[in-house]
């Protein structure tokens, strides 16, 4: 995890050396999410001790460079795997999938969330279990599902979920495939988003083609930002965003 208090490029370089020596098959490199309003223990952390956004971006850049040099493949936003790993193979075949826990090869499988706060995805709907053990056991003992909220995806949700999924897994997007699957004209349906993508192309994050887009190396560091272009709820949200910072 990078972005922790007092971390720097120099200290994280030492951590990378240790990890490379261990030589795990896969590495998940997550950005620390500082949400003191949601998690009370984080209120003990002095925000001035956290690395700046520039420092974190440099840590991520260093991590990618060193892990690639060590023979790993950069699977996506925060995952690395060895060339013969099934995740790497799935990405080459265009079959990589992403869920709450990271990347997976089980693209068509439904996800059952077990235990408190867990999230599941079944038959086109997301659900989340209750947050406390007492409530969880009480509900289960009654023979009921310990679910306290859920959301049934709309057709538009499924469309945007597909687009975001492919961007995060493939670092590219084929407009024709989207048009064929969802029966629409990509440029017309995503006219506003296409303008944002054009701005990102001007910034050197991606290349726009007549039939799709390709994320450039610099854009891979900011793939979340590129994917967020297609998040309709984020675009329409007027209140303050309460999620962790992207960088």
Protein backbone atom coordinates (compact mmCIF):
# COMPACT_ATOMS: atom_id res chain seq x y z
CA UNK A 1 0.00 0.00 0.00
CA UNK A 2 1.32 3.41 -0.92
CA UNK A 3 0.23 6.78 0.39
CA UNK A 4 0.77 5.95 4.07
CA UNK A 5 2.15 8.52 6.53
CA UNK A 6 5.83 9.40 6.07
CA UNK A 7 6.18 7.33 2.90
CA UNK A 8 8.37 8.71 0.15
CA UNK A 9 9.83 7.54 -3.12
CA UNK A 10 13.03 6.62 -1.31
CA UNK A 11 11.41 4.58 1.45
CA UNK A 12 9.05 2.82 -0.95
CA UNK A 13 11.98 1.91 -3.17
CA UNK A 14 13.30 -0.16 -0.27
CA UNK A 15 9.92 -1.85 0.11
CA UNK A 16 9.91 -2.71 -3.60
CA UNK A 17 13.33 -4.33 -3.28
CA UNK A 18 12.01 -6.59 -0.52
CA UNK A 19 8.89 -7.52 -2.52
CA UNK A 20 10.92 -8.31 -5.63
CA UNK A 21 13.19 -10.54 -3.55
CA UNK A 22 10.13 -12.45 -2.28
CA UNK A 23 9.02 -12.89 -5.91
CA UNK A 24 5.26 -13.44 -5.39
CA UNK A 25 3.18 -14.54 -8.40
CA UNK A 26 0.87 -11.53 -8.04
CA UNK A 27 1.11 -8.12 -6.44
CA UNK A 28 -1.78 -5.84 -5.50
CA UNK A 29 -0.52 -2.28 -5.03
CA UNK A 30 -3.27 -0.17 -3.50
CA UNK A 31 -3.49 3.54 -2.84
CA UNK A 32 -4.26 4.26 0.82
CA UNK A 33 -7.78 5.69 1.15
CA UNK A 34 -7.85 8.38 3.84
CA UNK A 35 -11.49 8.69 4.97
CA UNK A 36 -11.41 9.92 8.57
CA UNK A 37 -15.10 10.85 8.49
CA UNK A 38 -15.95 7.21 7.85
CA UNK A 39 -13.23 5.41 9.84
CA UNK A 40 -12.56 6.72 13.33
CA UNK A 41 -9.04 5.23 13.73
CA UNK A 42 -7.90 7.30 10.75
CA UNK A 43 -8.63 10.45 12.72
CA UNK A 44 -5.43 9.80 14.63
CA UNK A 45 -3.45 10.33 11.43
CA UNK A 46 -2.06 13.79 10.84
CA UNK A 47 -2.91 14.59 7.22
CA UNK A 48 0.26 16.65 6.90
CA UNK A 49 2.21 13.39 7.34
CA UNK A 50 0.64 11.87 4.24
CA UNK A 51 2.55 12.05 0.95
CA UNK A 52 1.39 14.67 -1.51
CA UNK A 53 -0.46 13.72 -4.69
CA UNK A 54 2.73 14.31 -6.70
CA UNK A 55 4.75 12.11 -4.36
CA UNK A 56 2.18 9.32 -4.57
CA UNK A 57 2.15 9.53 -8.35
CA UNK A 58 5.93 9.28 -8.34
CA UNK A 59 5.76 6.27 -6.03
CA UNK A 60 3.33 4.58 -8.40
CA UNK A 61 5.49 5.43 -11.40
CA UNK A 62 8.58 4.01 -9.67
CA UNK A 63 6.66 0.87 -8.68
CA UNK A 64 5.55 0.23 -12.24
CA UNK A 65 9.05 0.76 -13.61
CA UNK A 66 10.73 -1.50 -11.07
CA UNK A 67 8.16 -4.29 -11.23
CA UNK A 68 8.20 -4.29 -15.04
CA UNK A 69 11.99 -4.49 -14.94
CA UNK A 70 11.67 -7.45 -12.56
CA UNK A 71 9.58 -9.33 -15.13
CA UNK A 72 6.05 -8.58 -13.96
CA UNK A 73 3.20 -7.57 -16.27
CA UNK A 74 1.19 -4.47 -15.34
CA UNK A 75 -2.31 -5.96 -15.32
CA UNK A 76 -4.14 -2.80 -14.49
CA UNK A 77 -4.63 0.04 -12.06
CA UNK A 78 -3.12 -1.74 -9.09
CA UNK A 79 -2.24 -5.32 -10.05
CA UNK A 80 0.89 -6.98 -11.35
CA UNK A 81 1.39 -10.62 -12.27
CA UNK A 82 4.04 -12.85 -13.79
CA UNK A 83 3.81 -13.55 -17.54
CA UNK A 84 2.50 -17.11 -17.09
CA UNK A 85 -0.14 -16.17 -14.49
CA UNK A 86 -3.78 -16.77 -15.45
CA UNK A 87 -4.55 -13.05 -14.97
CA UNK A 88 -1.91 -12.13 -17.53
CA UNK A 89 -3.20 -14.74 -19.94
CA UNK A 90 -6.79 -13.53 -19.46
CA UNK A 91 -5.76 -9.96 -20.22
CA UNK A 92 -4.03 -11.03 -23.42
CA UNK A 93 -7.20 -12.86 -24.44
CA UNK A 94 -9.48 -9.92 -23.59
CA UNK A 95 -11.20 -11.94 -20.85
CA UNK A 96 -10.02 -10.07 -17.78
CA UNK A 97 -12.67 -8.92 -15.30
CA UNK A 98 -12.63 -6.62 -12.29
CA UNK A 99 -14.69 -6.83 -9.10
CA UNK A 100 -14.52 -5.35 -5.60
CA UNK A 101 -11.42 -7.35 -4.71
CA UNK A 102 -9.46 -6.52 -7.85
CA UNK A 103 -8.93 -8.39 -11.10
CA UNK A 104 -10.33 -11.83 -11.80
CA UNK A 105 -10.67 -14.35 -14.63
CA UNK A 106 -14.29 -15.17 -13.73
CA UNK A 107 -16.04 -12.63 -15.92
CA UNK A 108 -19.40 -14.37 -16.12
CA UNK A 109 -19.60 -15.58 -12.53
CA UNK A 110 -21.99 -14.08 -10.02
CA UNK A 111 -20.52 -12.84 -6.76
CA UNK A 112 -21.92 -13.91 -3.38
CA UNK A 113 -21.00 -11.62 -0.51
CA UNK A 114 -20.81 -13.41 2.86
CA UNK A 115 -20.31 -11.74 6.23
CA UNK A 116 -20.83 -8.21 7.49
CA UNK A 117 -20.59 -5.29 5.01
CA UNK A 118 -19.82 -7.66 2.11
CA UNK A 119 -21.10 -6.79 -1.36
CA UNK A 120 -22.52 -9.25 -3.86
CA UNK A 121 -23.68 -9.14 -7.47
CA UNK A 122 -26.50 -11.48 -8.53
CA UNK A 123 -28.76 -11.38 -11.59
CA UNK A 124 -27.91 -7.80 -12.53
CA UNK A 125 -28.22 -6.39 -9.02
CA UNK A 126 -25.75 -5.35 -6.32
CA UNK A 127 -26.48 -5.89 -2.63
CA UNK A 128 -24.68 -5.20 0.62
CA UNK A 129 -24.97 -6.98 3.95
CA UNK A 130 -25.55 -5.29 7.29
CA UNK A 131 -22.63 -3.67 9.09
CA UNK A 132 -22.65 -5.20 12.59
CA UNK A 133 -22.21 -8.78 13.78
CA UNK A 134 -25.19 -8.60 16.14
CA UNK A 135 -27.53 -7.55 13.35
CA UNK A 136 -26.00 -10.07 10.97
CA UNK A 137 -26.47 -13.06 13.32
CA UNK A 138 -29.93 -11.90 14.37
CA UNK A 139 -31.08 -11.77 10.75
CA UNK A 140 -29.48 -15.09 9.79
CA UNK A 141 -30.99 -16.79 12.86
CA UNK A 142 -34.41 -15.71 11.58
CA UNK A 143 -33.70 -17.47 8.31
CA UNK A 144 -33.52 -14.19 6.42
CA UNK A 145 -30.88 -12.68 4.18
CA UNK A 146 -28.74 -10.14 6.11
CA UNK A 147 -29.03 -7.57 3.32
CA UNK A 148 -29.74 -3.95 4.15
CA UNK A 149 -29.53 -2.33 0.72
CA UNK A 150 -29.36 -3.19 -2.94
CA UNK A 151 -29.54 -1.73 -6.42
CA UNK A 152 -30.93 -3.18 -9.64
CA UNK A 153 -28.89 -2.00 -12.60
CA UNK A 154 -30.69 -0.27 -15.44
CA UNK A 155 -29.89 -0.83 -19.11
CA UNK A 156 -27.80 2.35 -19.03
CA UNK A 157 -25.95 1.09 -15.95
CA UNK A 158 -25.07 -2.15 -17.74
CA UNK A 159 -23.81 -0.21 -20.75
CA UNK A 160 -21.58 2.07 -18.71
CA UNK A 161 -20.42 -0.80 -16.51
CA UNK A 162 -19.27 -2.65 -19.64
CA UNK A 163 -17.41 0.39 -21.01
CA UNK A 164 -15.67 1.09 -17.70
CA UNK A 165 -14.82 -2.61 -17.24
CA UNK A 166 -13.13 -2.87 -20.63
CA UNK A 167 -11.18 0.33 -20.09
CA UNK A 168 -9.87 -0.87 -16.72
CA UNK A 169 -9.06 -4.37 -17.99
CA UNK A 170 -7.88 -3.79 -21.57
CA UNK A 171 -6.62 -0.17 -21.54
CA UNK A 172 -8.49 0.17 -24.81
CA UNK A 173 -12.04 0.33 -26.07
CA UNK A 174 -13.59 -0.82 -29.34
CA UNK A 175 -16.57 1.39 -30.15
CA UNK A 176 -17.92 -1.08 -32.70
CA UNK A 177 -18.17 -3.89 -30.16
CA UNK A 178 -20.10 -1.64 -27.78
CA UNK A 179 -22.42 -0.56 -30.60
CA UNK A 180 -23.07 -4.16 -31.63
CA UNK A 181 -23.80 -5.42 -28.11
CA UNK A 182 -25.93 -2.47 -26.96
CA UNK A 183 -27.49 -1.40 -30.28
CA UNK A 184 -26.46 2.25 -30.30
CA UNK A 185 -24.21 4.78 -31.98
CA UNK A 186 -21.27 5.29 -29.62
CA UNK A 187 -20.38 8.84 -30.67
CA UNK A 188 -23.99 10.00 -30.40
CA UNK A 189 -24.77 8.27 -27.12
CA UNK A 190 -21.55 9.47 -25.48
CA UNK A 191 -21.27 12.88 -27.13
CA UNK A 192 -20.40 14.67 -23.86
CA UNK A 193 -17.94 11.96 -22.85
CA UNK A 194 -16.24 12.09 -26.26
CA UNK A 195 -15.38 15.74 -25.67
CA UNK A 196 -13.77 14.85 -22.34
CA UNK A 197 -11.83 12.06 -24.05
CA UNK A 198 -10.65 14.51 -26.71
CA UNK A 199 -9.28 16.75 -23.95
CA UNK A 200 -7.47 13.76 -22.44
CA UNK A 201 -6.06 12.91 -25.85
CA UNK A 202 -4.70 16.46 -26.06
CA UNK A 203 -3.06 15.87 -22.68
CA UNK A 204 -1.33 12.74 -23.98
CA UNK A 205 -3.29 10.27 -21.85
CA UNK A 206 -4.91 8.37 -24.72
CA UNK A 207 -5.26 8.12 -28.46
CA UNK A 208 -8.68 8.49 -30.07
CA UNK A 209 -9.38 6.59 -33.27
CA UNK A 210 -12.43 6.53 -35.49
CA UNK A 211 -13.37 3.11 -34.12
CA UNK A 212 -12.05 3.24 -30.57
CA UNK A 213 -9.42 4.48 -28.15
CA UNK A 214 -6.11 3.30 -26.74
CA UNK A 215 -4.79 4.36 -23.35
CA UNK A 216 -1.18 5.54 -23.54
CA UNK A 217 1.48 4.66 -20.92
CA UNK A 218 0.95 7.96 -19.10
CA UNK A 219 -2.78 7.39 -19.09
CA UNK A 220 -2.39 4.02 -17.40
CA UNK A 221 -1.35 5.87 -14.26
CA UNK A 222 -4.64 7.76 -14.42
CA UNK A 223 -6.92 5.04 -15.77
CA UNK A 224 -9.40 5.73 -12.96
CA UNK A 225 -9.76 9.29 -14.21
CA UNK A 226 -10.35 8.09 -17.76
CA UNK A 227 -12.93 5.54 -16.63
CA UNK A 228 -14.67 8.17 -14.49
CA UNK A 229 -15.60 10.02 -17.68
CA UNK A 230 -18.27 7.34 -18.21
CA UNK A 231 -19.59 7.41 -14.62
CA UNK A 232 -22.97 9.06 -15.11
CA UNK A 233 -23.69 9.26 -11.38
CA UNK A 234 -20.38 10.93 -10.66
CA UNK A 235 -20.96 13.42 -13.46
CA UNK A 236 -24.41 14.32 -12.17
CA UNK A 237 -23.52 14.42 -8.50
CA UNK A 238 -23.88 17.96 -7.20
CA UNK A 239 -22.87 17.35 -3.61
CA UNK A 240 -19.33 16.95 -2.36
CA UNK A 241 -17.72 13.68 -3.41
CA UNK A 242 -16.97 11.65 -0.29
CA UNK A 243 -14.83 8.95 -1.86
CA UNK A 244 -11.09 8.74 -1.44
CA UNK A 245 -8.91 10.76 -3.73
CA UNK A 246 -7.87 9.13 -6.99
CA UNK A 247 -4.22 10.09 -6.44
